[in-house]
Amino acid sequence: MRISERAGSFQESVIREMTRLQIIHGGVNLAQGFPDFDPPVEILDAACRALRDGFNQYAVTWGTRRLREAVARHQTSFNRIPTDPDKNVTVCCGATEAMIATLIAVCNPGDEVIVFTPFYENYGPDAVLSGARPVYVTLHEPAAEGDRWRFDPAELRAAFGPQTRAIIVNTPHNPTGHVFSRAELEVIASLCQEFDALAITDEIYEHILYDGREHVSIASLDGMLDRTITISGASKTFSVTGWRLGWAVAPEDLSIGIRRVHDFLTVGAPHPLQEAAVAALDLPAPYFESLVRNYTERRNRVAAMVRGAGMRPFVPEGAYYLMADITSFGYPDDVAFTMFLLKEIGVAVVPGSSFYPAGASDGKQKIRFAFPKRPETLAEAERRLARLHR
């Protein structure tokens, strides 16, 4: 093998592969989590102005001052995390880069990083690339519709040990849509303090919450400010996934390490788009209210569509994905069913096994739908899925 052992230990992203296959085979892309509609015009106008006003060269490596100030305001007011733009904020090329930069900055070979399963597929490879070993803890699926995904506190405690460096907490959660409650986060916070571990959060869906649920940042809990790195970004909230703008908010000593790694990974995020992101974070409250309202309608529509097609939906509490159980179709595994949906029905989704460790059986009868799509796109997907009963 001519590639490194680390690079050889994991595969390419299944999510992105499904988009490539959808382009080849055609059909409707409900696989990758990007909108097929434009962001708010205020943001587009701000990006155009930035391009014309000369913001086309390198910005300060860890982010323009205006954007770091806007992120600090948002973290302080919305997330209740006191944030200094000069000491605590690092702007990265998406939350994805913020996560790998953070793990490389804080982990040493032999460290362990706890990851809840199912998980966003980057977390395992990120831990490996940082030299750490992922330790998986199960999020147990709802036994019946209306129940919630949950972790067993005893199982979580058993995963912590002398080598535990950090736990990754993704809330709202991709792929399940679970929103970690304050009580759940307090359990995690207590264990982090007991075992002197860090919490690394992925809060990229922080504004997409359903049924009046509250987003709680674990850094806002007692005793967690100095041991939490909070990661988020512009991609999902403002429908600009192609802009690759994210940020890590961390204690000053950890920010120093994150900034060093970020500098040598990517140098910096796109300067004109950073200027535009300031306008995004400063949008008035009605924008965020309409965001929730519109995604609630999409969630409900997709849940009904999936149920009508003969699958059992796990209705999400946040984010814009829906997991579904496909047991009733009798397929041997999720990959076979996913390829059938793509090639014969014309709907691209993600096989559930891609969100679990290699060899795990938990995802073999699950698939994931992404629903940040126009009503016309969802209507076409519904029309195609209706063929499953013909």
Foldseek 3Di string as FASTA:
>chain_A
DPDDPLVVPDDPALLVVLVVVCVVQPFFEQADFFEPDAFDVLLVVLLVVLVVVPLFDDAQQQAHLLLLVLVQVCCCPQQVFRADSVQFKGKFQALLLLLLLLLLLQDDAAAEEEEEPLADLSPQSSCSVSNYHYDYFYQQADPDAPDAGHGDLVSVLVSDDQRYAEYEAEACGPPQQGHDDPVNLVSVQVSCVVNVHAYEYECAFQLAFPDPDHHHDSCNDPPHVQRYKYKYFDCQLRSCVVQRIIMITHGRVSVVSSSVSRCVPPSHGGRSSSSSVSSVSPDDPVSSVVNNVVLVVQLVLVCVLQVLLPWHWSRHRGDFKIKTFQVVVPDQFQVVVQVCCCNPLRYHWGQQCSSDPPPDPVRGGMIMGGGSYDPVSSVSSSVSSNVSVD
